[in-house]
Amino acid sequence: YPIDREFVAKELGFSGICENTMDAVSDRDFAIEFVSCCAM
């Protein structure tokens, strides 16, 4: 579909988009990093 990811990113207040679609849905390193910061 001719979606507009940049528009959605701006609408939701994101600074950018995940460039690789497989990576976008398959990793949770952002969550791991957050929990690591919590642990520290």
PDB file of all heavy atoms in Angstrom:
ATOM      1  N   TYR A   1       0.827  -1.200   0.000  1.00  0.00           N
ATOM      2  CA  TYR A   1       0.000   0.000   0.000  1.00  0.00           C
ATOM      3  C   TYR A   1       0.869   1.261   0.000  1.00  0.00           C
ATOM      4  O   TYR A   1       1.982   1.254   0.559  1.00  0.00           O
ATOM      5  CB  TYR A   1      -0.921   0.034   1.214  1.00  0.00           C
ATOM      6  CG  TYR A   1      -1.996  -1.024   1.219  1.00  0.00           C
ATOM      7  CD1 TYR A   1      -1.832  -2.213   1.925  1.00  0.00           C
ATOM      8  CD2 TYR A   1      -3.181  -0.841   0.510  1.00  0.00           C
ATOM      9  CE1 TYR A   1      -2.813  -3.193   1.947  1.00  0.00           C
ATOM     10  CE2 TYR A   1      -4.176  -1.815   0.522  1.00  0.00           C
ATOM     11  CZ  TYR A   1      -3.980  -2.980   1.227  1.00  0.00           C
ATOM     12  OH  TYR A   1      -4.965  -3.949   1.227  1.00  0.00           O
ATOM     13  N   PRO A   2       0.404   2.334  -0.576  1.00  0.00           N
ATOM     14  CA  PRO A   2       1.186   3.583  -0.634  1.00  0.00           C
ATOM     15  C   PRO A   2       1.121   4.368   0.685  1.00  0.00           C
ATOM     16  O   PRO A   2       0.610   5.495   0.745  1.00  0.00           O
ATOM     17  CB  PRO A   2       0.517   4.357  -1.771  1.00  0.00           C
ATOM     18  CG  PRO A   2      -0.925   3.928  -1.707  1.00  0.00           C
ATOM     19  CD  PRO A   2      -0.879   2.460  -1.325  1.00  0.00           C
ATOM     20  N   ILE A   3       1.672   3.789   1.733  1.00  0.00           N
ATOM     21  CA  ILE A   3       1.601   4.420   3.048  1.00  0.00           C
ATOM     22  C   ILE A   3       2.619   5.544   3.164  1.00  0.00           C
ATOM     23  O   ILE A   3       3.571   5.628   2.377  1.00  0.00           O
ATOM     24  CB  ILE A   3       1.816   3.393   4.186  1.00  0.00           C
ATOM     25  CG1 ILE A   3       3.211   2.761   4.099  1.00  0.00           C
ATOM     26  CG2 ILE A   3       0.728   2.323   4.155  1.00  0.00           C
ATOM     27  CD1 ILE A   3       3.558   1.886   5.281  1.00  0.00           C
ATOM     28  N   ASP A   4       2.428   6.382   4.154  1.00  0.00           N
ATOM     29  CA  ASP A   4       3.334   7.503   4.422  1.00  0.00           C
ATOM     30  C   ASP A   4       3.830   7.366   5.865  1.00  0.00           C
ATOM     31  O   ASP A   4       3.230   7.885   6.798  1.00  0.00           O
ATOM     32  CB  ASP A   4       2.616   8.834   4.209  1.00  0.00           C
ATOM     33  CG  ASP A   4       3.546  10.038   4.331  1.00  0.00           C
ATOM     34  OD1 ASP A   4       4.681   9.876   4.840  1.00  0.00           O
ATOM     35  OD2 ASP A   4       3.120  11.151   3.944  1.00  0.00           O
ATOM     36  N   ARG A   5       4.936   6.660   6.031  1.00  0.00           N
ATOM     37  CA  ARG A   5       5.473   6.398   7.368  1.00  0.00           C
ATOM     38  C   ARG A   5       5.963   7.672   8.040  1.00  0.00           C
ATOM     39  O   ARG A   5       5.856   7.828   9.264  1.00  0.00           O
ATOM     40  CB  ARG A   5       6.596   5.370   7.294  1.00  0.00           C
ATOM     41  CG  ARG A   5       6.162   3.996   6.789  1.00  0.00           C
ATOM     42  CD  ARG A   5       7.305   3.014   6.851  1.00  0.00           C
ATOM     43  NE  ARG A   5       7.678   2.735   8.236  1.00  0.00           N
ATOM     44  CZ  ARG A   5       8.862   2.242   8.583  1.00  0.00           C
ATOM     45  NH1 ARG A   5       9.798   2.023   7.673  1.00  0.00           N
ATOM     46  NH2 ARG A   5       9.125   2.011   9.873  1.00  0.00           N
ATOM     47  N   GLU A   6       6.544   8.568   7.233  1.00  0.00           N
ATOM     48  CA  GLU A   6       7.060   9.817   7.800  1.00  0.00           C
ATOM     49  C   GLU A   6       5.935  10.659   8.392  1.00  0.00           C
ATOM     50  O   GLU A   6       6.112  11.289   9.448  1.00  0.00           O
ATOM     51  CB  GLU A   6       7.808  10.625   6.731  1.00  0.00           C
ATOM     52  CG  GLU A   6       9.187  10.076   6.378  1.00  0.00           C
ATOM     53  CD  GLU A   6       9.143   8.814   5.510  1.00  0.00           C
ATOM     54  OE1 GLU A   6       8.058   8.536   4.922  1.00  0.00           O
ATOM     55  OE2 GLU A   6      10.159   8.112   5.397  1.00  0.00           O
ATOM     56  N   PHE A   7       4.771  10.647   7.736  1.00  0.00           N
ATOM     57  CA  PHE A   7       3.630  11.376   8.281  1.00  0.00           C
ATOM     58  C   PHE A   7       3.208  10.794   9.635  1.00  0.00           C
ATOM     59  O   PHE A   7       2.949  11.542  10.581  1.00  0.00           O
ATOM     60  CB  PHE A   7       2.449  11.330   7.311  1.00  0.00           C
ATOM     61  CG  PHE A   7       1.171  11.864   7.899  1.00  0.00           C
ATOM     62  CD1 PHE A   7       0.943  13.225   7.970  1.00  0.00           C
ATOM     63  CD2 PHE A   7       0.213  11.002   8.425  1.00  0.00           C
ATOM     64  CE1 PHE A   7      -0.234  13.728   8.536  1.00  0.00           C
ATOM     65  CE2 PHE A   7      -0.957  11.488   8.997  1.00  0.00           C
ATOM     66  CZ  PHE A   7      -1.190  12.860   9.043  1.00  0.00           C
ATOM     67  N   VAL A   8       3.125   9.482   9.705  1.00  0.00           N
ATOM     68  CA  VAL A   8       2.723   8.824  10.950  1.00  0.00           C
ATOM     69  C   VAL A   8       3.747   9.118  12.055  1.00  0.00           C
ATOM     70  O   VAL A   8       3.380   9.381  13.203  1.00  0.00           O
ATOM     71  CB  VAL A   8       2.559   7.305  10.753  1.00  0.00           C
ATOM     72  CG1 VAL A   8       2.204   6.626  12.077  1.00  0.00           C
ATOM     73  CG2 VAL A   8       1.480   7.016   9.723  1.00  0.00           C
ATOM     74  N   ALA A   9       5.031   9.075  11.698  1.00  0.00           N
ATOM     75  CA  ALA A   9       6.083   9.367  12.676  1.00  0.00           C
ATOM     76  C   ALA A   9       5.909  10.769  13.250  1.00  0.00           C
ATOM     77  O   ALA A   9       5.992  10.983  14.463  1.00  0.00           O
ATOM     78  CB  ALA A   9       7.461   9.219  12.036  1.00  0.00           C
ATOM     79  N   LYS A  10       5.660  11.738  12.362  1.00  0.00           N
ATOM     80  CA  LYS A  10       5.461  13.113  12.806  1.00  0.00           C
ATOM     81  C   LYS A  10       4.200  13.230  13.654  1.00  0.00           C
ATOM     82  O   LYS A  10       4.184  13.920  14.685  1.00  0.00           O
ATOM     83  CB  LYS A  10       5.378  14.049  11.594  1.00  0.00           C
ATOM     84  CG  LYS A  10       5.309  15.525  11.961  1.00  0.00           C
ATOM     85  CD  LYS A  10       5.306  16.400  10.724  1.00  0.00           C
ATOM     86  CE  LYS A  10       5.241  17.882  11.101  1.00  0.00           C
ATOM     87  NZ  LYS A  10       5.223  18.763   9.888  1.00  0.00           N
ATOM     88  N   GLU A  11       3.146  12.553  13.266  1.00  0.00           N
ATOM     89  CA  GLU A  11       1.875  12.597  13.984  1.00  0.00           C
ATOM     90  C   GLU A  11       2.020  12.036  15.402  1.00  0.00           C
ATOM     91  O   GLU A  11       1.392  12.529  16.339  1.00  0.00           O
ATOM     92  CB  GLU A  11       0.825  11.795  13.204  1.00  0.00           C
ATOM     93  CG  GLU A  11      -0.596  11.956  13.688  1.00  0.00           C
ATOM     94  CD  GLU A  11      -1.228  13.290  13.338  1.00  0.00           C
ATOM     95  OE1 GLU A  11      -0.614  14.099  12.588  1.00  0.00           O
ATOM     96  OE2 GLU A  11      -2.360  13.518  13.810  1.00  0.00           O
ATOM     97  N   LEU A  12       2.864  11.020  15.563  1.00  0.00           N
ATOM     98  CA  LEU A  12       3.057  10.370  16.863  1.00  0.00           C
ATOM     99  C   LEU A  12       4.233  10.941  17.653  1.00  0.00           C
ATOM    100  O   LEU A  12       4.512  10.476  18.760  1.00  0.00           O
ATOM    101  CB  LEU A  12       3.240   8.863  16.667  1.00  0.00           C
ATOM    102  CG  LEU A  12       2.008   8.104  16.173  1.00  0.00           C
ATOM    103  CD1 LEU A  12       2.361   6.640  15.884  1.00  0.00           C
ATOM    104  CD2 LEU A  12       0.883   8.185  17.193  1.00  0.00           C
ATOM    105  N   GLY A  13       4.931  11.906  17.084  1.00  0.00           N
ATOM    106  CA  GLY A  13       6.022  12.547  17.805  1.00  0.00           C
ATOM    107  C   GLY A  13       7.331  11.790  17.785  1.00  0.00           C
ATOM    108  O   GLY A  13       8.187  12.003  18.646  1.00  0.00           O
ATOM    109  N   PHE A  14       7.511  10.911  16.798  1.00  0.00           N
ATOM    110  CA  PHE A  14       8.781  10.217  16.640  1.00  0.00           C
ATOM    111  C   PHE A  14       9.741  11.073  15.812  1.00  0.00           C
ATOM    112  O   PHE A  14       9.326  11.787  14.903  1.00  0.00           O
ATOM    113  CB  PHE A  14       8.589   8.859  15.951  1.00  0.00           C
ATOM    114  CG  PHE A  14       8.007   7.795  16.830  1.00  0.00           C
ATOM    115  CD1 PHE A  14       6.658   7.484  16.762  1.00  0.00           C
ATOM    116  CD2 PHE A  14       8.806   7.104  17.720  1.00  0.00           C
ATOM    117  CE1 PHE A  14       6.114   6.490  17.564  1.00  0.00           C
ATOM    118  CE2 PHE A  14       8.276   6.117  18.530  1.00  0.00           C
ATOM    119  CZ  PHE A  14       6.920   5.806  18.456  1.00  0.00           C
ATOM    120  N   SER A  15      11.023  10.952  16.110  1.00  0.00           N
ATOM    121  CA  SER A  15      12.025  11.737  15.390  1.00  0.00           C
ATOM    122  C   SER A  15      12.384  11.141  14.038  1.00  0.00           C
ATOM    123  O   SER A  15      12.992  11.802  13.198  1.00  0.00           O
ATOM    124  CB  SER A  15      13.296  11.883  16.232  1.00  0.00           C
ATOM    125  OG  SER A  15      13.880  10.611  16.469  1.00  0.00           O
ATOM    126  N   GLY A  16      12.032   9.860  13.828  1.00  0.00           N
ATOM    127  CA  GLY A  16      12.333   9.202  12.571  1.00  0.00           C
ATOM    128  C   GLY A  16      11.651   7.855  12.499  1.00  0.00           C
ATOM    129  O   GLY A  16      10.818   7.511  13.341  1.00  0.00           O
ATOM    130  N   ILE A  17      12.005   7.063  11.483  1.00  0.00           N
ATOM    131  CA  ILE A  17      11.411   5.739  11.305  1.00  0.00           C
ATOM    132  C   ILE A  17      12.484   4.666  11.373  1.00  0.00           C
ATOM    133  O   ILE A  17      13.668   4.924  11.127  1.00  0.00           O
ATOM    134  CB  ILE A  17      10.660   5.630   9.954  1.00  0.00           C
ATOM    135  CG1 ILE A  17      11.632   5.804   8.781  1.00  0.00           C
ATOM    136  CG2 ILE A  17       9.528   6.653   9.887  1.00  0.00           C
ATOM    137  CD1 ILE A  17      11.002   5.523   7.415  1.00  0.00           C
ATOM    138  N   CYS A  18      12.079   3.456  11.711  1.00  0.00           N
ATOM    139  CA  CYS A  18      12.968   2.300  11.627  1.00  0.00           C
ATOM    140  C   CYS A  18      13.158   1.968  10.155  1.00  0.00           C
ATOM    141  O   CYS A  18      12.183   1.704   9.441  1.00  0.00           O
ATOM    142  CB  CYS A  18      12.365   1.100  12.366  1.00  0.00           C
ATOM    143  SG  CYS A  18      12.123   1.363  14.146  1.00  0.00           S
ATOM    144  N   GLU A  19      14.404   1.961   9.698  1.00  0.00           N
ATOM    145  CA  GLU A  19      14.662   1.844   8.272  1.00  0.00           C
ATOM    146  C   GLU A  19      14.447   0.428   7.741  1.00  0.00           C
ATOM    147  O   GLU A  19      13.937   0.230   6.652  1.00  0.00           O
ATOM    148  CB  GLU A  19      16.093   2.301   7.969  1.00  0.00           C
ATOM    149  CG  GLU A  19      16.348   3.788   8.232  1.00  0.00           C
ATOM    150  CD  GLU A  19      15.601   4.695   7.269  1.00  0.00           C
ATOM    151  OE1 GLU A  19      15.122   4.194   6.222  1.00  0.00           O
ATOM    152  OE2 GLU A  19      15.486   5.902   7.557  1.00  0.00           O
ATOM    153  N   ASN A  20      14.863  -0.578   8.503  1.00  0.00           N
ATOM    154  CA  ASN A  20      14.732  -1.970   8.063  1.00  0.00           C
ATOM    155  C   ASN A  20      13.492  -2.587   8.701  1.00  0.00           C
ATOM    156  O   ASN A  20      13.370  -2.638   9.928  1.00  0.00           O
ATOM    157  CB  ASN A  20      15.981  -2.758   8.444  1.00  0.00           C
ATOM    158  CG  ASN A  20      15.965  -4.180   7.907  1.00  0.00           C
ATOM    159  OD1 ASN A  20      15.275  -5.056   8.427  1.00  0.00           O
ATOM    160  ND2 ASN A  20      16.750  -4.420   6.869  1.00  0.00           N
ATOM    161  N   THR A  21      12.573  -3.068   7.874  1.00  0.00           N
ATOM    162  CA  THR A  21      11.292  -3.531   8.396  1.00  0.00           C
ATOM    163  C   THR A  21      11.420  -4.800   9.237  1.00  0.00           C
ATOM    164  O   THR A  21      10.690  -4.982  10.214  1.00  0.00           O
ATOM    165  CB  THR A  21      10.287  -3.758   7.261  1.00  0.00           C
ATOM    166  OG1 THR A  21      10.832  -4.682   6.302  1.00  0.00           O
ATOM    167  CG2 THR A  21       9.977  -2.440   6.563  1.00  0.00           C
ATOM    168  N   MET A  22      12.349  -5.675   8.891  1.00  0.00           N
ATOM    169  CA  MET A  22      12.549  -6.888   9.688  1.00  0.00           C
ATOM    170  C   MET A  22      13.086  -6.541  11.069  1.00  0.00           C
ATOM    171  O   MET A  22      12.629  -7.062  12.085  1.00  0.00           O
ATOM    172  CB  MET A  22      13.488  -7.854   8.975  1.00  0.00           C
ATOM    173  CG  MET A  22      12.919  -8.469   7.714  1.00  0.00           C
ATOM    174  SD  MET A  22      14.043  -9.663   6.947  1.00  0.00           S
ATOM    175  CE  MET A  22      13.887 -11.049   8.078  1.00  0.00           C
ATOM    176  N   ASP A  23      14.036  -5.644  11.080  1.00  0.00           N
ATOM    177  CA  ASP A  23      14.597  -5.196  12.355  1.00  0.00           C
ATOM    178  C   ASP A  23      13.548  -4.488  13.200  1.00  0.00           C
ATOM    179  O   ASP A  23      13.503  -4.641  14.423  1.00  0.00           O
ATOM    180  CB  ASP A  23      15.779  -4.263  12.091  1.00  0.00           C
ATOM    181  CG  ASP A  23      16.326  -3.637  13.363  1.00  0.00           C
ATOM    182  OD1 ASP A  23      16.816  -4.383  14.233  1.00  0.00           O
ATOM    183  OD2 ASP A  23      16.249  -2.399  13.487  1.00  0.00           O
ATOM    184  N   ALA A  24      12.680  -3.718  12.540  1.00  0.00           N
ATOM    185  CA  ALA A  24      11.682  -2.915  13.254  1.00  0.00           C
ATOM    186  C   ALA A  24      10.774  -3.760  14.139  1.00  0.00           C
ATOM    187  O   ALA A  24      10.381  -3.341  15.230  1.00  0.00           O
ATOM    188  CB  ALA A  24      10.840  -2.121  12.256  1.00  0.00           C
ATOM    189  N   VAL A  25      10.430  -4.970  13.666  1.00  0.00           N
ATOM    190  CA  VAL A  25       9.474  -5.801  14.405  1.00  0.00           C
ATOM    191  C   VAL A  25      10.131  -6.903  15.221  1.00  0.00           C
ATOM    192  O   VAL A  25       9.477  -7.505  16.081  1.00  0.00           O
ATOM    193  CB  VAL A  25       8.434  -6.435  13.459  1.00  0.00           C
ATOM    194  CG1 VAL A  25       7.638  -5.352  12.749  1.00  0.00           C
ATOM    195  CG2 VAL A  25       9.104  -7.380  12.442  1.00  0.00           C
ATOM    196  N   SER A  26      11.420  -7.167  14.986  1.00  0.00           N
ATOM    197  CA  SER A  26      12.015  -8.375  15.561  1.00  0.00           C
ATOM    198  C   SER A  26      12.980  -8.136  16.695  1.00  0.00           C
ATOM    199  O   SER A  26      13.437  -9.101  17.321  1.00  0.00           O
ATOM    200  CB  SER A  26      12.736  -9.178  14.469  1.00  0.00           C
ATOM    201  OG  SER A  26      13.891  -8.471  14.011  1.00  0.00           O
ATOM    202  N   ASP A  27      13.322  -6.887  16.961  1.00  0.00           N
ATOM    203  CA  ASP A  27      14.275  -6.645  18.041  1.00  0.00           C
ATOM    204  C   ASP A  27      13.610  -5.863  19.166  1.00  0.00           C
ATOM    205  O   ASP A  27      12.636  -5.142  18.952  1.00  0.00           O
ATOM    206  CB  ASP A  27      15.511  -5.889  17.549  1.00  0.00           C
ATOM    207  CG  ASP A  27      16.741  -6.165  18.426  1.00  0.00           C
ATOM    208  OD1 ASP A  27      16.603  -6.839  19.474  1.00  0.00           O
ATOM    209  OD2 ASP A  27      17.828  -5.710  18.075  1.00  0.00           O
ATOM    210  N   ARG A  28      14.144  -6.057  20.339  1.00  0.00           N
ATOM    211  CA  ARG A  28      13.716  -5.329  21.515  1.00  0.00           C
ATOM    212  C   ARG A  28      14.920  -4.734  22.229  1.00  0.00           C
ATOM    213  O   ARG A  28      14.896  -4.565  23.440  1.00  0.00           O
ATOM    214  CB  ARG A  28      12.928  -6.237  22.471  1.00  0.00           C
ATOM    215  CG  ARG A  28      11.593  -6.715  21.911  1.00  0.00           C
ATOM    216  CD  ARG A  28      10.590  -5.580  21.794  1.00  0.00           C
ATOM    217  NE  ARG A  28       9.251  -6.092  21.399  1.00  0.00           N
ATOM    218  CZ  ARG A  28       8.845  -6.150  20.148  1.00  0.00           C
ATOM    219  NH1 ARG A  28       9.644  -5.778  19.160  1.00  0.00           N
ATOM    220  NH2 ARG A  28       7.623  -6.610  19.858  1.00  0.00           N
ATOM    221  N   ASP A  29      15.960  -4.423  21.464  1.00  0.00           N
ATOM    222  CA  ASP A  29      17.143  -3.880  22.105  1.00  0.00           C
ATOM    223  C   ASP A  29      16.866  -2.538  22.768  1.00  0.00           C
ATOM    224  O   ASP A  29      17.493  -2.179  23.762  1.00  0.00           O
ATOM    225  CB  ASP A  29      18.328  -3.789  21.147  1.00  0.00           C
ATOM    226  CG  ASP A  29      18.071  -2.933  19.913  1.00  0.00           C
ATOM    227  OD1 ASP A  29      16.930  -2.474  19.705  1.00  0.00           O
ATOM    228  OD2 ASP A  29      19.035  -2.729  19.139  1.00  0.00           O
ATOM    229  N   PHE A  30      15.880  -1.785  22.240  1.00  0.00           N
ATOM    230  CA  PHE A  30      15.526  -0.521  22.876  1.00  0.00           C
ATOM    231  C   PHE A  30      14.964  -0.758  24.276  1.00  0.00           C
ATOM    232  O   PHE A  30      15.225   0.011  25.209  1.00  0.00           O
ATOM    233  CB  PHE A  30      14.527   0.254  22.013  1.00  0.00           C
ATOM    234  CG  PHE A  30      13.176  -0.399  21.856  1.00  0.00           C
ATOM    235  CD1 PHE A  30      12.128  -0.100  22.726  1.00  0.00           C
ATOM    236  CD2 PHE A  30      12.950  -1.302  20.842  1.00  0.00           C
ATOM    237  CE1 PHE A  30      10.886  -0.711  22.590  1.00  0.00           C
ATOM    238  CE2 PHE A  30      11.707  -1.915  20.693  1.00  0.00           C
ATOM    239  CZ  PHE A  30      10.682  -1.617  21.570  1.00  0.00           C
ATOM    240  N   ALA A  31      14.185  -1.853  24.419  1.00  0.00           N
ATOM    241  CA  ALA A  31      13.631  -2.202  25.730  1.00  0.00           C
ATOM    242  C   ALA A  31      14.718  -2.743  26.651  1.00  0.00           C
ATOM    243  O   ALA A  31      14.754  -2.427  27.845  1.00  0.00           O
ATOM    244  CB  ALA A  31      12.511  -3.229  25.574  1.00  0.00           C
ATOM    245  N   ILE A  32      15.607  -3.557  26.099  1.00  0.00           N
ATOM    246  CA  ILE A  32      16.729  -4.085  26.881  1.00  0.00           C
ATOM    247  C   ILE A  32      17.591  -2.931  27.393  1.00  0.00           C
ATOM    248  O   ILE A  32      18.023  -2.919  28.545  1.00  0.00           O
ATOM    249  CB  ILE A  32      17.568  -5.067  26.050  1.00  0.00           C
ATOM    250  CG1 ILE A  32      16.745  -6.318  25.720  1.00  0.00           C
ATOM    251  CG2 ILE A  32      18.847  -5.457  26.793  1.00  0.00           C
ATOM    252  CD1 ILE A  32      17.405  -7.243  24.706  1.00  0.00           C
ATOM    253  N   GLU A  33      17.829  -1.957  26.527  1.00  0.00           N
ATOM    254  CA  GLU A  33      18.628  -0.803  26.932  1.00  0.00           C
ATOM    255  C   GLU A  33      17.942  -0.034  28.056  1.00  0.00           C
ATOM    256  O   GLU A  33      18.590   0.381  29.020  1.00  0.00           O
ATOM    257  CB  GLU A  33      18.876   0.117  25.737  1.00  0.00           C
ATOM    258  CG  GLU A  33      19.794   1.292  26.065  1.00  0.00           C
ATOM    259  CD  GLU A  33      20.127   2.137  24.851  1.00  0.00           C
ATOM    260  OE1 GLU A  33      19.584   1.875  23.743  1.00  0.00           O
ATOM    261  OE2 GLU A  33      20.920   3.081  25.000  1.00  0.00           O
ATOM    262  N   PHE A  34      16.637   0.143  27.944  1.00  0.00           N
ATOM    263  CA  PHE A  34      15.895   0.839  29.000  1.00  0.00           C
ATOM    264  C   PHE A  34      15.992   0.095  30.324  1.00  0.00           C
ATOM    265  O   PHE A  34      16.276   0.694  31.367  1.00  0.00           O
ATOM    266  CB  PHE A  34      14.428   0.996  28.589  1.00  0.00           C
ATOM    267  CG  PHE A  34      13.548   1.559  29.678  1.00  0.00           C
ATOM    268  CD1 PHE A  34      13.576   2.910  29.989  1.00  0.00           C
ATOM    269  CD2 PHE A  34      12.699   0.731  30.403  1.00  0.00           C
ATOM    270  CE1 PHE A  34      12.771   3.425  31.000  1.00  0.00           C
ATOM    271  CE2 PHE A  34      11.889   1.236  31.409  1.00  0.00           C
ATOM    272  CZ  PHE A  34      11.918   2.584  31.705  1.00  0.00           C
ATOM    273  N   VAL A  35      15.763  -1.209  30.289  1.00  0.00           N
ATOM    274  CA  VAL A  35      15.833  -2.001  31.523  1.00  0.00           C
ATOM    275  C   VAL A  35      17.251  -2.007  32.071  1.00  0.00           C
ATOM    276  O   VAL A  35      17.466  -1.994  33.280  1.00  0.00           O
ATOM    277  CB  VAL A  35      15.308  -3.433  31.287  1.00  0.00           C
ATOM    278  CG1 VAL A  35      15.420  -4.264  32.559  1.00  0.00           C
ATOM    279  CG2 VAL A  35      13.853  -3.403  30.824  1.00  0.00           C
ATOM    280  N   SER A  36      18.244  -2.015  31.176  1.00  0.00           N
ATOM    281  CA  SER A  36      19.637  -1.922  31.616  1.00  0.00           C
ATOM    282  C   SER A  36      19.902  -0.602  32.327  1.00  0.00           C
ATOM    283  O   SER A  36      20.576  -0.568  33.366  1.00  0.00           O
ATOM    284  CB  SER A  36      20.572  -2.067  30.410  1.00  0.00           C
ATOM    285  OG  SER A  36      21.918  -1.891  30.785  1.00  0.00           O
ATOM    286  N   CYS A  37      19.373   0.491  31.782  1.00  0.00           N
ATOM    287  CA  CYS A  37      19.499   1.796  32.439  1.00  0.00           C
ATOM    288  C   CYS A  37      18.816   1.777  33.808  1.00  0.00           C
ATOM    289  O   CYS A  37      19.324   2.355  34.775  1.00  0.00           O
ATOM    290  CB  CYS A  37      18.899   2.893  31.564  1.00  0.00           C
ATOM    291  SG  CYS A  37      19.827   3.242  30.057  1.00  0.00           S
ATOM    292  N   CYS A  38      17.656   1.130  33.870  1.00  0.00           N
ATOM    293  CA  CYS A  38      16.958   0.981  35.148  1.00  0.00           C
ATOM    294  C   CYS A  38      17.825   0.221  36.149  1.00  0.00           C
ATOM    295  O   CYS A  38      17.936   0.601  37.320  1.00  0.00           O
ATOM    296  CB  CYS A  38      15.627   0.247  34.961  1.00  0.00           C
ATOM    297  SG  CYS A  38      14.356   1.171  34.066  1.00  0.00           S
ATOM    298  N   ALA A  39      18.427  -0.887  35.688  1.00  0.00           N
ATOM    299  CA  ALA A  39      19.255  -1.711  36.564  1.00  0.00           C
ATOM    300  C   ALA A  39      20.467  -0.929  37.069  1.00  0.00           C
ATOM    301  O   ALA A  39      20.839  -1.028  38.243  1.00  0.00           O
ATOM    302  CB  ALA A  39      19.701  -2.977  35.825  1.00  0.00           C
ATOM    303  N   MET A  40      21.088  -0.163  36.186  1.00  0.00           N
ATOM    304  CA  MET A  40      22.245   0.641  36.584  1.00  0.00           C
ATOM    305  C   MET A  40      21.851   1.670  37.644  1.00  0.00           C
ATOM    306  O   MET A  40      22.556   1.848  38.653  1.00  0.00           O
ATOM    307  CB  MET A  40      22.833   1.349  35.365  1.00  0.00           C
ATOM    308  CG  MET A  40      24.128   2.095  35.645  1.00  0.00           C
ATOM    309  SD  MET A  40      25.565   1.051  35.598  1.00  0.00           S
ATOM    310  CE  MET A  40      25.767   0.837  33.824  1.00  0.00           C
TER     311      MET A  40
END
